[in-house]
Amino acid sequence: MSTPSARLLSLLSLLQTPREWPGSELADRLAVSPRTVRRDVDRLRELGYPVEASMGAAGGYRLAAGKAMPPLLLDDEEAVALAVALSTAVGNPVSGIEQASLRALAKLEQVLPSRLRHRVGAFRTATESLATESPSAVDPHDLAVTAAAVAGGERLRFAYRAGDGSRSSRLVEPHRLVLAGRRWYLLAYDNERDDWRIFRADRMTRLQPTGVRVPPRELPEKDAAAFVTRTMYSLAPTYEVRATVRLPAPRVAERLGAAPEEVWPIDEDSCELHGRADTLEWLASRLLMLGCDFEVHDPPELRAHLRTIGARALRAAGDPAAGAHPAAGAHPAAGAHPAAGAHPAAGERAAGRPD
């Protein structure tokens, strides 16, 4: 027979499901009399749980909605299900909930018993998403450990692989986790380099919380996400494009999602496009997808890249005038591309300079 305390927790777990429970069904579930159920309900009310009762044949007990409640109680199966669901949300974030999912996962994993952590880990190991795997996927458990260090102001030690493949050991004071696109970044103060650094979370391994808590440092900017964005893009190469497009300005702005100041009308049927991007491939693909004639004035690297893909398209169509295929690995526009690892997603970034 269960103890009164254990029975009370079981009753609370049942009442936290969104339904009304007849007293007889609760009595059967708990293997007690309806009178004992009524006494246990009174004890829950004394503890602050808003248990409502309705009379009649269809009546029963339920927890009131929309009121402040004591902490949520989960049984083993519910805790595992919630941890797995939060891990999925972190790995495949829905816009607006990724940060909240990570915070909740960090809190949940901190209090899970070891036997349940093992079950959650086994589920992650045994399952695989049908969605396309990202090359920058990061273990949700590692994210939870990092988030806990951020929340607790705790120094964190980890191994790090930079964009050029070099490896190092880091001791940092984590400040914020920032999600940019499909990648997680850790903004932290590097104790050994005495400066702020930005780390790609998927390149952090062997995470070890040190147990040393330190007061938070003041970030050079108020907003961590804005700081990460500005730092990464200040280090990335950019190309400024200027092109004449044979399409009305409103249609160009709509198709490209361009800002009004980036599209200047020339007449009713054409406009001039001004903008910038960090890759020639992106610029060329966006212009070609407009489905109209255009003329690129700047940059010259983009004109060279368009000639390269134009010749490639003619060869694919079997045009004999296109000439022979270039040697394997050759790229006529290679000089126009950013250096390897120069993209802001390439790896760790310093606050204003690469490491």
Protein backbone atom coordinates (compact mmCIF):
# COMPACT_ATOMS: atom_id res chain seq x y z
CA MET A 1 0.00 0.00 0.00
CA SER A 2 1.35 3.46 -0.89
CA THR A 3 2.01 6.05 1.77
CA PRO A 4 -0.35 9.05 2.12
CA SER A 5 2.33 11.35 0.64
CA ALA A 6 2.87 9.09 -2.38
CA ARG A 7 -0.88 8.81 -2.87
CA LEU A 8 -1.22 12.60 -2.72
CA LEU A 9 1.41 13.01 -5.45
CA SER A 10 -0.36 10.41 -7.60
CA LEU A 11 -3.65 12.25 -7.17
CA LEU A 12 -2.03 15.55 -8.15
CA SER A 13 -0.48 13.96 -11.23
CA LEU A 14 -3.91 12.74 -12.34
CA LEU A 15 -5.58 16.11 -11.71
CA GLN A 16 -2.97 17.92 -13.79
CA THR A 17 -4.31 16.29 -16.96
CA PRO A 18 -6.85 18.55 -18.74
CA ARG A 19 -10.06 16.71 -17.81
CA GLU A 20 -12.55 16.30 -15.00
CA TRP A 21 -12.17 13.18 -12.85
CA PRO A 22 -15.20 11.52 -11.22
CA GLY A 23 -14.51 10.71 -7.58
CA SER A 24 -15.24 7.02 -8.17
CA GLU A 25 -12.67 6.82 -10.98
CA LEU A 26 -10.04 8.52 -8.84
CA ALA A 27 -10.82 6.09 -6.03
CA ASP A 28 -10.35 3.13 -8.40
CA ARG A 29 -7.09 4.53 -9.76
CA LEU A 30 -5.67 5.11 -6.29
CA ALA A 31 -7.19 1.95 -4.75
CA VAL A 32 -8.84 3.91 -1.93
CA SER A 33 -12.38 4.84 -0.94
CA PRO A 34 -14.22 7.95 -2.28
CA ARG A 35 -14.05 9.38 1.23
CA THR A 36 -10.25 9.14 1.20
CA VAL A 37 -10.23 10.91 -2.17
CA ARG A 38 -12.25 13.77 -0.67
CA ARG A 39 -9.79 14.08 2.23
CA ASP A 40 -6.81 14.08 -0.14
CA VAL A 41 -8.46 16.78 -2.26
CA ASP A 42 -8.86 18.91 0.86
CA ARG A 43 -5.14 18.45 1.62
CA LEU A 44 -4.23 19.62 -1.88
CA ARG A 45 -6.36 22.71 -1.41
CA GLU A 46 -4.57 23.45 1.85
CA LEU A 47 -1.27 23.27 -0.06
CA GLY A 48 -2.51 25.89 -2.52
CA TYR A 49 -3.68 23.75 -5.43
CA PRO A 50 -6.98 25.14 -6.81
CA VAL A 51 -9.01 21.91 -7.03
CA GLU A 52 -12.59 22.53 -8.13
CA ALA A 53 -15.46 20.10 -7.55
CA SER A 54 -18.76 19.84 -9.42
CA MET A 55 -21.80 18.02 -8.11
CA GLY A 56 -24.12 15.57 -9.84
CA ALA A 57 -23.81 12.35 -11.76
CA ALA A 58 -21.42 13.90 -14.29
CA GLY A 59 -19.50 15.82 -11.65
CA GLY A 60 -15.98 15.35 -10.45
CA TYR A 61 -12.70 17.07 -9.64
CA ARG A 62 -10.41 19.21 -11.77
CA LEU A 63 -7.65 21.78 -11.36
CA ALA A 64 -8.80 25.30 -12.14
CA ALA A 65 -7.24 26.92 -15.18
CA GLY A 66 -5.91 30.43 -15.42
CA LYS A 67 -4.71 30.71 -11.83
CA ALA A 68 -1.28 30.77 -10.24
CA MET A 69 -0.30 27.23 -9.33
CA PRO A 70 2.46 25.52 -7.38
CA PRO A 71 5.17 23.76 -9.45
CA LEU A 72 4.10 21.24 -12.07
CA LEU A 73 4.39 17.57 -11.15
CA LEU A 74 5.41 15.03 -13.79
CA ASP A 75 5.64 11.27 -13.59
CA ASP A 76 8.58 9.43 -15.20
CA GLU A 77 6.90 8.89 -18.58
CA GLU A 78 5.74 12.51 -18.78
CA ALA A 79 9.19 13.85 -17.86
CA VAL A 80 10.87 11.75 -20.56
CA ALA A 81 8.26 12.76 -23.14
CA LEU A 82 8.71 16.43 -22.30
CA ALA A 83 12.53 16.22 -22.49
CA VAL A 84 12.36 14.52 -25.89
CA ALA A 85 9.83 17.06 -27.19
CA LEU A 86 11.97 19.98 -26.02
CA SER A 87 15.07 18.42 -27.60
CA THR A 88 13.19 18.18 -30.88
CA ALA A 89 12.09 21.81 -30.63
CA VAL A 90 15.68 22.89 -29.99
CA GLY A 91 17.05 20.84 -32.88
CA ASN A 92 14.27 21.87 -35.30
CA PRO A 93 13.26 25.23 -33.95
CA VAL A 94 9.88 26.79 -34.69
CA SER A 95 10.23 30.54 -35.02
CA GLY A 96 9.82 32.25 -31.67
CA ILE A 97 10.08 29.22 -29.37
CA GLU A 98 13.67 28.04 -29.77
CA GLN A 99 15.08 30.11 -26.89
CA ALA A 100 12.19 29.22 -24.58
CA SER A 101 12.58 25.53 -25.49
CA LEU A 102 16.28 25.65 -24.66
CA ARG A 103 15.68 27.32 -21.30
CA ALA A 104 13.00 24.80 -20.39
CA LEU A 105 15.20 21.88 -21.47
CA ALA A 106 18.09 23.17 -19.35
CA LYS A 107 15.85 23.40 -16.29
CA LEU A 108 14.32 19.97 -16.87
CA GLU A 109 17.63 18.15 -17.44
CA GLN A 110 19.03 19.71 -14.29
CA VAL A 111 16.41 17.99 -12.12
CA LEU A 112 15.94 14.71 -14.01
CA PRO A 113 17.08 11.64 -12.06
CA SER A 114 19.96 9.76 -13.64
CA ARG A 115 17.71 6.87 -14.67
CA LEU A 116 15.52 9.26 -16.67
CA ARG A 117 18.50 11.04 -18.22
CA HIS A 118 19.60 7.62 -19.47
CA ARG A 119 16.18 6.99 -21.02
CA VAL A 120 16.18 10.39 -22.75
CA GLY A 121 19.70 9.77 -24.06
CA ALA A 122 18.73 6.31 -25.30
CA PHE A 123 15.78 7.75 -27.18
CA ARG A 124 17.97 10.34 -28.89
CA THR A 125 20.48 7.66 -29.88
CA ALA A 126 17.86 5.27 -31.20
CA THR A 127 15.86 7.76 -33.28
CA GLU A 128 16.62 9.78 -36.38
CA SER A 129 14.67 12.61 -37.95
CA LEU A 130 13.46 12.31 -41.54
CA ALA A 131 14.25 15.98 -41.99
CA THR A 132 17.49 16.88 -43.77
CA GLU A 133 20.34 16.79 -41.30
CA SER A 134 22.25 20.03 -40.87
CA PRO A 135 26.06 19.81 -41.00
CA SER A 136 26.06 22.17 -38.02
CA ALA A 137 23.70 20.11 -35.84
CA VAL A 138 24.45 20.33 -32.12
CA ASP A 139 23.51 17.93 -29.34
CA PRO A 140 20.56 19.38 -27.37
CA HIS A 141 22.17 18.08 -24.17
CA ASP A 142 25.28 20.17 -24.85
CA LEU A 143 23.05 23.17 -25.49
CA ALA A 144 21.27 22.53 -22.20
CA VAL A 145 24.61 22.34 -20.34
CA THR A 146 25.71 25.61 -21.96
CA ALA A 147 22.38 27.29 -21.20
CA ALA A 148 22.62 26.22 -17.56
CA ALA A 149 26.11 27.76 -17.35
CA VAL A 150 24.77 30.98 -18.87
CA ALA A 151 21.84 31.10 -16.46
CA GLY A 152 23.99 30.29 -13.44
CA GLY A 153 26.87 32.64 -14.29
CA GLU A 154 29.21 29.62 -14.19
CA ARG A 155 32.53 29.36 -15.97
CA LEU A 156 32.58 26.68 -18.65
CA ARG A 157 35.49 24.67 -20.02
CA PHE A 158 35.32 22.92 -23.40
CA ALA A 159 37.34 21.75 -26.39
CA TYR A 160 36.92 23.84 -29.53
CA ARG A 161 37.60 23.23 -33.22
CA ALA A 162 38.09 26.44 -35.20
CA GLY A 163 37.14 26.97 -38.83
CA ASP A 164 40.66 26.15 -40.02
CA GLY A 165 40.60 22.82 -38.16
CA SER A 166 42.87 23.87 -35.29
CA ARG A 167 41.86 22.67 -31.84
CA SER A 168 42.17 24.32 -28.45
CA SER A 169 40.91 24.16 -24.89
CA ARG A 170 38.80 27.11 -23.71
CA LEU A 171 37.80 28.51 -20.36
CA VAL A 172 35.05 31.09 -20.73
CA GLU A 173 32.36 33.03 -18.90
CA PRO A 174 29.21 32.30 -20.96
CA HIS A 175 27.01 35.32 -21.59
CA ARG A 176 24.29 34.30 -24.08
CA LEU A 177 23.34 31.60 -26.57
CA VAL A 178 22.24 33.17 -29.86
CA LEU A 179 20.40 31.36 -32.66
CA ALA A 180 21.30 32.72 -36.11
CA GLY A 181 19.53 30.93 -38.95
CA ARG A 182 20.02 27.23 -38.19
CA ARG A 183 23.17 27.65 -36.12
CA TRP A 184 23.66 28.23 -32.40
CA TYR A 185 26.45 30.53 -31.22
CA LEU A 186 27.83 31.09 -27.73
CA LEU A 187 28.81 34.64 -26.86
CA ALA A 188 31.31 34.42 -24.00
CA TYR A 189 34.24 36.17 -22.38
CA ASP A 190 37.40 34.14 -22.96
CA ASN A 191 39.42 34.25 -19.74
CA GLU A 192 42.72 33.25 -21.35
CA ARG A 193 42.44 35.68 -24.27
CA ASP A 194 40.97 38.46 -22.14
CA ASP A 195 38.38 39.35 -24.76
CA TRP A 196 34.88 38.56 -25.98
CA ARG A 197 34.55 35.62 -28.35
CA ILE A 198 31.77 34.03 -30.42
CA PHE A 199 31.83 30.22 -30.68
CA ARG A 200 29.83 27.94 -32.93
CA ALA A 201 28.06 25.54 -30.59
CA ASP A 202 28.42 22.55 -32.92
CA ARG A 203 32.22 22.89 -32.66
CA MET A 204 32.22 22.79 -28.86
CA THR A 205 32.86 19.36 -27.30
CA ARG A 206 33.69 17.87 -23.90
CA LEU A 207 31.76 20.57 -22.05
CA GLN A 208 32.69 20.76 -18.35
CA PRO A 209 30.95 23.19 -15.99
CA THR A 210 33.59 24.28 -13.47
CA GLY A 211 31.31 25.12 -10.55
CA VAL A 212 32.99 28.56 -10.33
CA ARG A 213 30.39 31.33 -10.42
CA VAL A 214 31.40 34.86 -11.38
CA PRO A 215 29.51 38.16 -11.58
CA PRO A 216 28.28 38.98 -15.09
CA ARG A 217 30.54 41.13 -17.26
CA GLU A 218 29.16 44.14 -19.09
CA LEU A 219 28.79 43.49 -22.81
CA PRO A 220 29.98 46.28 -25.16
CA GLU A 221 26.39 46.45 -26.44
CA LYS A 222 23.07 46.05 -24.65
CA ASP A 223 21.66 43.43 -27.04
CA ALA A 224 23.62 40.18 -27.38
CA ALA A 225 21.98 39.16 -30.66
CA ALA A 226 22.73 42.54 -32.23
CA PHE A 227 26.32 42.33 -30.99
CA VAL A 228 26.80 38.86 -32.54
CA THR A 229 25.23 39.93 -35.83
CA ARG A 230 27.29 43.11 -36.11
CA THR A 231 30.52 41.32 -35.21
CA MET A 232 30.06 38.47 -37.67
CA TYR A 233 29.04 40.63 -40.59
CA SER A 234 31.77 43.18 -39.97
CA LEU A 235 34.23 40.33 -40.60
CA ALA A 236 32.49 38.92 -43.66
CA PRO A 237 33.44 40.06 -47.18
CA THR A 238 30.61 41.93 -48.92
CA TYR A 239 29.91 42.78 -52.53
CA GLU A 240 27.99 45.91 -53.48
CA VAL A 241 25.85 45.30 -56.54
CA ARG A 242 24.55 47.88 -59.00
CA ALA A 243 22.48 46.58 -61.90
CA THR A 244 19.87 47.76 -64.38
CA VAL A 245 16.87 45.45 -64.38
CA ARG A 246 14.30 45.36 -67.22
CA LEU A 247 11.34 45.05 -64.88
CA PRO A 248 9.17 47.61 -63.05
CA ALA A 249 10.60 48.65 -59.68
CA PRO A 250 7.62 47.41 -57.60
CA ARG A 251 7.89 43.92 -59.10
CA VAL A 252 11.63 43.76 -58.47
CA ALA A 253 11.18 44.86 -54.86
CA GLU A 254 8.43 42.27 -54.37
CA ARG A 255 10.35 39.36 -55.91
CA LEU A 256 13.62 40.12 -54.14
CA GLY A 257 12.12 41.29 -50.87
CA ALA A 258 14.28 44.40 -51.30
CA ALA A 259 13.94 47.58 -49.29
CA PRO A 260 12.52 50.63 -51.13
CA GLU A 261 15.86 52.43 -51.02
CA GLU A 262 17.50 49.51 -52.88
CA VAL A 263 15.33 49.80 -56.01
CA TRP A 264 15.37 53.05 -57.99
CA PRO A 265 12.79 53.43 -60.82
CA ILE A 266 14.18 54.44 -64.23
CA ASP A 267 10.89 54.30 -66.14
CA GLU A 268 7.72 52.21 -66.07
CA ASP A 269 9.49 49.10 -67.34
CA SER A 270 12.95 49.21 -65.74
CA CYS A 271 14.80 50.14 -62.58
CA GLU A 272 18.23 50.25 -61.00
CA LEU A 273 19.05 47.83 -58.22
CA HIS A 274 21.50 48.67 -55.42
CA GLY A 275 22.36 46.23 -52.64
CA ARG A 276 25.00 44.09 -51.01
CA ALA A 277 25.62 40.44 -50.20
CA ASP A 278 28.46 38.26 -48.97
CA THR A 279 28.50 35.71 -51.82
CA LEU A 280 28.52 36.02 -55.60
CA GLU A 281 26.45 32.84 -55.92
CA TRP A 282 23.59 34.37 -53.99
CA LEU A 283 23.67 37.60 -56.00
CA ALA A 284 23.73 35.74 -59.34
CA SER A 285 20.92 33.35 -58.40
CA ARG A 286 18.66 36.18 -57.19
CA LEU A 287 19.14 38.16 -60.39
CA LEU A 288 18.58 35.15 -62.64
CA MET A 289 15.42 34.20 -60.75
CA LEU A 290 13.85 37.55 -61.70
CA GLY A 291 13.19 36.03 -65.15
CA CYS A 292 14.06 39.18 -67.12
CA ASP A 293 16.98 40.88 -68.82
CA PHE A 294 19.43 42.78 -66.66
CA GLU A 295 22.86 44.39 -66.91
CA VAL A 296 25.39 44.28 -64.08
CA HIS A 297 27.49 47.42 -63.64
CA ASP A 298 29.24 46.45 -60.39
CA PRO A 299 30.99 44.47 -59.06
CA PRO A 300 33.22 43.14 -61.86
CA GLU A 301 33.53 39.83 -59.96
CA LEU A 302 29.80 39.28 -60.41
CA ARG A 303 30.04 39.83 -64.18
CA ALA A 304 32.85 37.25 -64.33
CA HIS A 305 30.81 34.79 -62.28
CA LEU A 306 27.78 35.25 -64.56
CA ARG A 307 29.96 34.54 -67.62
CA THR A 308 31.14 31.33 -65.95
CA ILE A 309 27.67 30.00 -65.17
CA GLY A 310 26.42 31.17 -68.57
CA ALA A 311 29.06 29.09 -70.34
CA ARG A 312 28.22 26.16 -68.06
CA ALA A 313 24.54 26.44 -68.99
CA LEU A 314 25.38 26.48 -72.72
CA ARG A 315 27.52 23.36 -72.36
CA ALA A 316 24.69 21.64 -70.50
CA ALA A 317 22.38 22.51 -73.39
CA GLY A 318 24.83 20.99 -75.91
CA ASP A 319 25.80 24.28 -77.57
CA PRO A 320 29.02 23.55 -79.59
CA ALA A 321 29.98 27.23 -79.38
CA ALA A 322 30.39 26.98 -75.61
CA GLY A 323 33.84 25.39 -75.94
CA ALA A 324 35.47 22.62 -73.96
CA HIS A 325 34.70 21.97 -70.33
CA PRO A 326 37.31 23.55 -67.97
CA ALA A 327 39.73 21.28 -66.17
CA ALA A 328 38.44 19.56 -63.05
CA GLY A 329 38.58 21.84 -60.06
CA ALA A 330 39.12 24.98 -62.17
CA HIS A 331 36.88 27.93 -61.48
CA PRO A 332 37.24 30.98 -63.73
CA ALA A 333 35.72 33.20 -61.05
CA ALA A 334 37.72 31.74 -58.20
CA GLY A 335 39.38 35.04 -57.42
CA ALA A 336 35.97 36.58 -56.83
CA HIS A 337 35.04 34.29 -54.00
CA PRO A 338 35.63 34.96 -50.31
CA ALA A 339 38.56 33.19 -48.71
CA ALA A 340 37.80 29.85 -47.10
CA GLY A 341 36.43 30.28 -43.62
CA ALA A 342 35.74 34.01 -44.11
CA HIS A 343 31.98 33.67 -43.92
CA PRO A 344 30.54 34.73 -40.55
CA ALA A 345 29.35 31.18 -39.91
CA ALA A 346 32.84 29.73 -40.32
CA GLY A 347 33.72 29.46 -36.66
CA GLU A 348 34.82 31.41 -33.63
CA ARG A 349 34.79 35.15 -33.97
CA ALA A 350 36.42 37.80 -31.86
CA ALA A 351 34.74 41.08 -31.04
CA GLY A 352 36.06 42.92 -34.08
CA ARG A 353 38.72 40.55 -35.44
CA PRO A 354 39.17 36.84 -36.17
CA ASP A 355 40.96 34.80 -33.53
